[in-house]
Amino acid sequence: MHEHDAKHSQATQLDPQRFREGQRITWVSVAVNAVLTAMQIVVGFLAHSMALVADAMHTLSDIFADAFVLWANRKGAEAADAEHPYGHGRYETAASLVLGLLLTVTGAGILISAAGRLQNLDALPAVGVAAIWAALFTLAAKEGLFRYMLKVAERLRSPMLIANAWHARADALSSLVVAAGVGGALLGFPIADGVAAIIVGAMIIKAGLGFAWEAIRELIDTGLPTEEVAAIRATLAATPGVIDLHELRTRRMAHQVLVDVHIQVDGRITVAEGHDIGEAARHRVLAAHPEVLDVLIHLDAENDAL
């Protein structure tokens, strides 16, 4: 194995710490959702709150979403192989797309449910006070889960885990809808549930479409923002021996970045010297930009872009 291949293989090995943390926060989410589902179903039936029971079904769906995240996190952490020389990070991207669509569907479901409640206000059943306490407890638990998951996900720079954290926030908002509905019914304002549901449903749809769009942008190899590309260009240009550079291209793969570039060196130096300059440029980018997974460098003796 060549030196560059060995370094590339090492760069695409799984990060055990990142994998463990990703698995841990998702298992925490599974445990919290399981407890909340059981509590919502029991209290919902005892307090005659169909909204709470419906929210329980929503929470149950999160367990299946978490199971999907666990699978995608495990696959995404696998090392590079012959079929996936750049690793399996795109599994996380695909998971982010699915979770974004799931958020969108959740928001649409809340909108449809709210519309139905607004059209049948007189048919809303009387609910017990226990339902609102259950809804408030669920709201607090979901918000706490969201803040914990988002903090870890942002530190790991995992779009999939960030999307899953925001999914927990969507659940907290749906619990807020239930609490508003139950509270409004107890205070004699049943319309409050429908109005709140429409507002929250629209917010969830916007968030879901945003995550889905970002995942699609990555899947079609959208480059980094202009300022980030400029920073990488400056790092390469500052490498001793680099006369100029062109055809600098970037693309994301989950939480990491791949870079391709042509660098111009003095045509009178030896191949070995040119190779050393290329490796120096590569290492400078990897050191200065931790999100970069690897840099593919093509050496030119002249600017072949002209």
Protein backbone atom coordinates (compact mmCIF):
# COMPACT_ATOMS: atom_id res chain seq x y z
CA MET A 1 0.00 0.00 0.00
CA HIS A 2 1.33 3.40 -1.00
CA GLU A 3 1.89 6.04 1.67
CA HIS A 4 -1.03 8.15 0.39
CA ASP A 5 -3.35 5.12 0.27
CA ALA A 6 -2.40 4.18 3.82
CA LYS A 7 -3.09 7.69 5.06
CA HIS A 8 -6.40 7.80 3.16
CA SER A 9 -7.43 4.44 4.60
CA GLN A 10 -6.57 5.66 8.08
CA ALA A 11 -8.58 8.84 7.51
CA THR A 12 -11.66 6.85 6.53
CA GLN A 13 -11.56 4.48 9.50
CA LEU A 14 -14.49 4.72 11.88
CA ASP A 15 -14.20 7.01 14.85
CA PRO A 16 -15.01 4.75 17.85
CA GLN A 17 -15.68 7.65 20.21
CA ARG A 18 -18.00 9.38 17.76
CA PHE A 19 -19.82 6.13 17.04
CA ARG A 20 -20.30 5.34 20.74
CA GLU A 21 -21.63 8.81 21.53
CA GLY A 22 -24.01 8.69 18.58
CA GLN A 23 -25.32 5.31 19.70
CA ARG A 24 -25.63 6.41 23.32
CA ILE A 25 -27.76 9.51 22.71
CA THR A 26 -30.03 7.53 20.39
CA TRP A 27 -30.54 4.79 22.99
CA VAL A 28 -31.38 7.51 25.53
CA SER A 29 -34.02 8.73 23.07
CA VAL A 30 -35.41 5.20 22.69
CA ALA A 31 -35.69 4.78 26.47
CA VAL A 32 -37.39 8.15 26.97
CA ASN A 33 -39.83 7.55 24.12
CA ALA A 34 -40.73 4.09 25.41
CA VAL A 35 -41.55 5.45 28.88
CA LEU A 36 -43.53 8.37 27.47
CA THR A 37 -45.51 6.14 25.10
CA ALA A 38 -46.63 3.87 27.91
CA MET A 39 -47.53 6.82 30.15
CA GLN A 40 -49.47 8.64 27.42
CA ILE A 41 -51.51 5.58 26.49
CA VAL A 42 -52.49 4.80 30.09
CA VAL A 43 -53.33 8.40 31.05
CA GLY A 44 -54.95 9.08 27.69
CA PHE A 45 -57.47 6.28 28.08
CA LEU A 46 -58.11 6.93 31.78
CA ALA A 47 -58.61 10.68 31.21
CA HIS A 48 -60.58 10.15 27.97
CA SER A 49 -58.09 12.20 25.94
CA MET A 50 -57.87 11.00 22.36
CA ALA A 51 -55.35 13.76 21.65
CA LEU A 52 -53.00 12.29 24.25
CA VAL A 53 -53.46 8.79 22.83
CA ALA A 54 -52.73 10.16 19.35
CA ASP A 55 -49.59 11.83 20.71
CA ALA A 56 -48.64 8.46 22.18
CA MET A 57 -48.83 6.92 18.71
CA HIS A 58 -46.64 9.77 17.48
CA THR A 59 -44.13 9.06 20.22
CA LEU A 60 -44.21 5.37 19.34
CA SER A 61 -43.26 6.25 15.77
CA ASP A 62 -40.17 7.97 17.18
CA ILE A 63 -38.94 4.65 18.53
CA PHE A 64 -38.97 3.26 15.00
CA ALA A 65 -37.19 6.41 13.79
CA ASP A 66 -34.54 5.98 16.50
CA ALA A 67 -34.04 2.36 15.45
CA PHE A 68 -33.40 3.61 11.93
CA VAL A 69 -30.89 6.15 13.23
CA LEU A 70 -29.07 3.45 15.21
CA TRP A 71 -28.73 1.39 12.05
CA ALA A 72 -27.60 4.36 9.93
CA ASN A 73 -25.11 5.48 12.60
CA ARG A 74 -23.60 2.00 12.71
CA LYS A 75 -23.38 1.76 8.93
CA GLY A 76 -22.00 5.27 8.61
CA ALA A 77 -19.23 4.48 11.12
CA GLU A 78 -17.94 1.51 9.12
CA ALA A 79 -14.47 1.86 7.64
CA ALA A 80 -13.86 2.28 3.93
CA ASP A 81 -13.90 -0.86 1.81
CA ALA A 82 -13.51 -1.83 -1.86
CA GLU A 83 -17.08 -0.80 -2.71
CA HIS A 84 -17.04 2.35 -0.58
CA PRO A 85 -13.50 3.76 -0.79
CA TYR A 86 -14.57 7.02 0.86
CA GLY A 87 -16.32 5.28 3.74
CA HIS A 88 -20.04 4.96 4.49
CA GLY A 89 -20.80 8.50 5.62
CA ARG A 90 -23.56 8.92 3.04
CA TYR A 91 -25.70 6.55 5.09
CA GLU A 92 -26.02 9.44 7.53
CA THR A 93 -27.01 11.73 4.69
CA ALA A 94 -29.71 9.34 3.53
CA ALA A 95 -30.95 9.06 7.11
CA SER A 96 -31.09 12.86 7.38
CA LEU A 97 -33.23 12.93 4.23
CA VAL A 98 -35.62 10.31 5.60
CA LEU A 99 -35.88 12.03 8.97
CA GLY A 100 -36.49 15.36 7.25
CA LEU A 101 -39.33 13.82 5.28
CA LEU A 102 -40.63 12.25 8.49
CA LEU A 103 -40.71 15.70 10.11
CA THR A 104 -42.61 17.03 7.12
CA VAL A 105 -45.17 14.24 7.30
CA THR A 106 -45.52 14.80 11.06
CA GLY A 107 -46.25 18.48 10.49
CA ALA A 108 -48.76 17.69 7.77
CA GLY A 109 -50.47 15.20 10.08
CA ILE A 110 -50.78 17.84 12.78
CA LEU A 111 -52.29 20.29 10.26
CA ILE A 112 -54.84 17.74 9.08
CA SER A 113 -55.72 16.80 12.65
CA ALA A 114 -56.08 20.47 13.59
CA ALA A 115 -58.36 21.13 10.64
CA GLY A 116 -60.55 18.22 11.71
CA ARG A 117 -60.79 19.54 15.27
CA LEU A 118 -61.71 23.03 14.08
CA GLN A 119 -64.57 21.57 12.05
CA ASN A 120 -65.91 19.47 14.91
CA LEU A 121 -65.49 21.60 18.01
CA ASP A 122 -68.83 20.50 19.47
CA ALA A 123 -67.86 16.84 19.22
CA LEU A 124 -64.70 17.15 21.35
CA PRO A 125 -64.99 14.81 24.38
CA ALA A 126 -64.55 16.10 27.91
CA VAL A 127 -61.12 15.26 29.26
CA GLY A 128 -59.71 14.82 32.73
CA VAL A 129 -57.19 17.13 34.37
CA ALA A 130 -54.65 14.26 34.44
CA ALA A 131 -54.32 14.60 30.67
CA ILE A 132 -52.83 18.08 30.84
CA TRP A 133 -50.32 17.03 33.51
CA ALA A 134 -49.29 14.12 31.29
CA ALA A 135 -48.97 16.45 28.32
CA LEU A 136 -46.86 18.93 30.32
CA PHE A 137 -44.62 16.14 31.62
CA THR A 138 -44.19 14.86 28.07
CA LEU A 139 -43.40 18.38 26.89
CA ALA A 140 -40.69 18.82 29.55
CA ALA A 141 -39.18 15.40 28.86
CA LYS A 142 -39.11 15.95 25.09
CA GLU A 143 -37.60 19.43 25.41
CA GLY A 144 -34.92 18.10 27.75
CA LEU A 145 -34.21 15.24 25.36
CA PHE A 146 -33.98 17.67 22.44
CA ARG A 147 -31.46 19.93 24.19
CA TYR A 148 -29.30 16.99 25.26
CA MET A 149 -29.35 15.36 21.81
CA LEU A 150 -28.69 18.62 19.96
CA LYS A 151 -25.70 19.50 22.14
CA VAL A 152 -24.04 16.15 21.47
CA ALA A 153 -25.04 16.06 17.79
CA GLU A 154 -23.58 19.52 17.11
CA ARG A 155 -20.36 18.56 18.87
CA LEU A 156 -20.15 15.43 16.68
CA ARG A 157 -21.13 17.50 13.61
CA SER A 158 -23.59 14.79 12.53
CA PRO A 159 -26.46 16.04 10.31
CA MET A 160 -28.35 12.81 10.95
CA LEU A 161 -28.16 13.17 14.75
CA ILE A 162 -29.02 16.87 14.52
CA ALA A 163 -32.09 15.99 12.44
CA ASN A 164 -33.08 13.38 15.00
CA ALA A 165 -32.66 15.93 17.79
CA TRP A 166 -34.97 18.34 15.99
CA HIS A 167 -37.39 15.46 15.57
CA ALA A 168 -37.51 15.33 19.37
CA ARG A 169 -38.24 19.10 19.35
CA ALA A 170 -41.09 18.44 16.90
CA ASP A 171 -42.47 15.93 19.39
CA ALA A 172 -42.19 18.50 22.17
CA LEU A 173 -44.18 20.93 20.06
CA SER A 174 -46.83 18.33 19.36
CA SER A 175 -47.06 17.75 23.13
CA LEU A 176 -47.46 21.51 23.49
CA VAL A 177 -50.37 21.29 21.06
CA VAL A 178 -51.96 18.57 23.21
CA ALA A 179 -51.43 20.63 26.38
CA ALA A 180 -52.93 23.70 24.71
CA GLY A 181 -55.87 21.67 23.50
CA VAL A 182 -56.58 20.10 26.87
CA GLY A 183 -56.03 23.40 28.67
CA GLY A 184 -58.24 25.24 26.22
CA ALA A 185 -60.99 22.66 26.63
CA LEU A 186 -60.82 22.94 30.41
CA LEU A 187 -61.00 26.75 30.19
CA GLY A 188 -63.86 26.72 27.68
CA PHE A 189 -61.81 27.63 24.58
CA PRO A 190 -61.58 24.43 22.48
CA ILE A 191 -60.55 26.42 19.38
CA ALA A 192 -57.13 27.08 20.99
CA ASP A 193 -56.03 23.52 20.23
CA GLY A 194 -56.67 23.85 16.50
CA VAL A 195 -55.02 27.25 16.14
CA ALA A 196 -51.90 26.15 18.02
CA ALA A 197 -51.72 22.94 15.99
CA ILE A 198 -51.81 24.85 12.70
CA ILE A 199 -48.96 27.16 13.79
CA VAL A 200 -46.81 24.32 15.13
CA GLY A 201 -47.56 22.07 12.15
CA ALA A 202 -46.34 24.78 9.77
CA MET A 203 -43.14 25.20 11.82
CA ILE A 204 -42.47 21.46 11.75
CA ILE A 205 -43.04 21.25 8.00
CA LYS A 206 -40.59 24.11 7.45
CA ALA A 207 -37.94 22.40 9.60
CA GLY A 208 -38.49 19.03 7.91
CA LEU A 209 -38.22 20.46 4.41
CA GLY A 210 -35.06 22.29 5.46
CA PHE A 211 -33.36 19.08 6.62
CA ALA A 212 -34.50 17.19 3.54
CA TRP A 213 -33.21 19.94 1.24
CA GLU A 214 -29.79 20.03 2.94
CA ALA A 215 -29.50 16.24 2.55
CA ILE A 216 -30.46 16.50 -1.13
CA ARG A 217 -27.85 19.23 -1.64
CA GLU A 218 -25.20 16.91 -0.22
CA LEU A 219 -26.35 13.95 -2.31
CA ILE A 220 -25.96 16.03 -5.49
CA ASP A 221 -22.45 17.07 -4.37
CA THR A 222 -23.13 20.74 -3.68
CA GLY A 223 -19.88 22.54 -2.86
CA LEU A 224 -19.02 24.32 0.37
CA PRO A 225 -19.98 27.98 0.92
CA THR A 226 -17.76 30.53 -0.81
CA GLU A 227 -16.03 31.65 2.38
CA GLU A 228 -15.07 28.09 3.36
CA VAL A 229 -13.69 27.38 -0.13
CA ALA A 230 -11.71 30.62 0.06
CA ALA A 231 -10.19 29.54 3.38
CA ILE A 232 -9.09 26.19 1.93
CA ARG A 233 -7.71 27.97 -1.13
CA ALA A 234 -5.66 30.29 1.08
CA THR A 235 -4.23 27.33 3.01
CA LEU A 236 -3.17 25.61 -0.20
CA ALA A 237 -1.74 28.79 -1.74
CA ALA A 238 0.39 29.44 1.35
CA THR A 239 2.19 26.10 0.96
CA PRO A 240 5.88 26.62 0.00
CA GLY A 241 6.43 25.54 -3.59
CA VAL A 242 2.85 26.10 -4.74
CA ILE A 243 2.92 28.66 -7.57
CA ASP A 244 -0.80 28.70 -8.24
CA LEU A 245 -3.88 26.49 -7.97
CA HIS A 246 -7.08 25.94 -9.94
CA GLU A 247 -10.06 23.61 -10.28
CA LEU A 248 -10.58 23.59 -6.51
CA ARG A 249 -13.70 21.51 -5.90
CA THR A 250 -15.37 20.53 -2.64
CA ARG A 251 -18.25 18.31 -1.57
CA ARG A 252 -19.68 17.09 1.69
CA MET A 253 -20.00 13.53 2.93
CA ALA A 254 -22.03 13.53 6.17
CA HIS A 255 -20.02 15.58 8.69
CA GLN A 256 -16.84 15.65 6.60
CA VAL A 257 -15.59 17.29 3.40
CA LEU A 258 -13.73 15.97 0.34
CA VAL A 259 -11.47 18.32 -1.65
CA ASP A 260 -10.06 18.03 -5.19
CA VAL A 261 -7.54 20.55 -6.54
CA HIS A 262 -4.91 21.13 -9.19
CA ILE A 263 -1.77 22.85 -7.89
CA GLN A 264 0.91 24.34 -10.10
CA VAL A 265 4.57 23.78 -9.24
CA ASP A 266 7.84 24.64 -10.93
CA GLY A 267 8.17 22.41 -13.99
CA ARG A 268 11.93 22.12 -13.52
CA ILE A 269 11.83 20.29 -10.20
CA THR A 270 11.87 16.49 -9.91
CA VAL A 271 8.75 14.35 -9.63
CA ALA A 272 9.72 13.49 -6.05
CA GLU A 273 10.02 17.16 -5.15
CA GLY A 274 6.63 17.88 -6.70
CA HIS A 275 5.13 14.99 -4.77
CA ASP A 276 6.54 16.37 -1.52
CA ILE A 277 4.95 19.77 -2.23
CA GLY A 278 1.62 18.09 -2.92
CA GLU A 279 1.78 16.10 0.31
CA ALA A 280 2.74 19.22 2.26
CA ALA A 281 -0.27 21.05 0.81
CA ARG A 282 -2.54 18.13 1.66
CA HIS A 283 -1.33 17.92 5.26
CA ARG A 284 -1.70 21.68 5.73
CA VAL A 285 -5.36 21.49 4.70
CA LEU A 286 -6.04 18.49 6.94
CA ALA A 287 -4.42 20.26 9.89
CA ALA A 288 -6.08 23.65 9.36
CA HIS A 289 -9.54 22.35 8.42
CA PRO A 290 -10.53 19.42 10.70
CA GLU A 291 -13.77 18.82 8.78
CA VAL A 292 -11.79 17.82 5.67
CA LEU A 293 -11.56 14.03 5.31
CA ASP A 294 -9.08 13.96 2.42
CA VAL A 295 -7.56 16.09 -0.32
CA LEU A 296 -6.95 14.75 -3.82
CA ILE A 297 -4.13 16.77 -5.42
CA HIS A 298 -3.19 16.85 -9.09
CA LEU A 299 0.24 18.36 -9.87
CA ASP A 300 0.67 20.63 -12.88
CA ALA A 301 3.82 22.18 -14.33
CA GLU A 302 1.67 24.93 -15.84
CA ASN A 303 -1.83 26.29 -15.47
CA ASP A 304 -3.77 23.83 -17.63
CA ALA A 305 -7.02 25.60 -16.77
CA LEU A 306 -6.14 28.41 -19.22
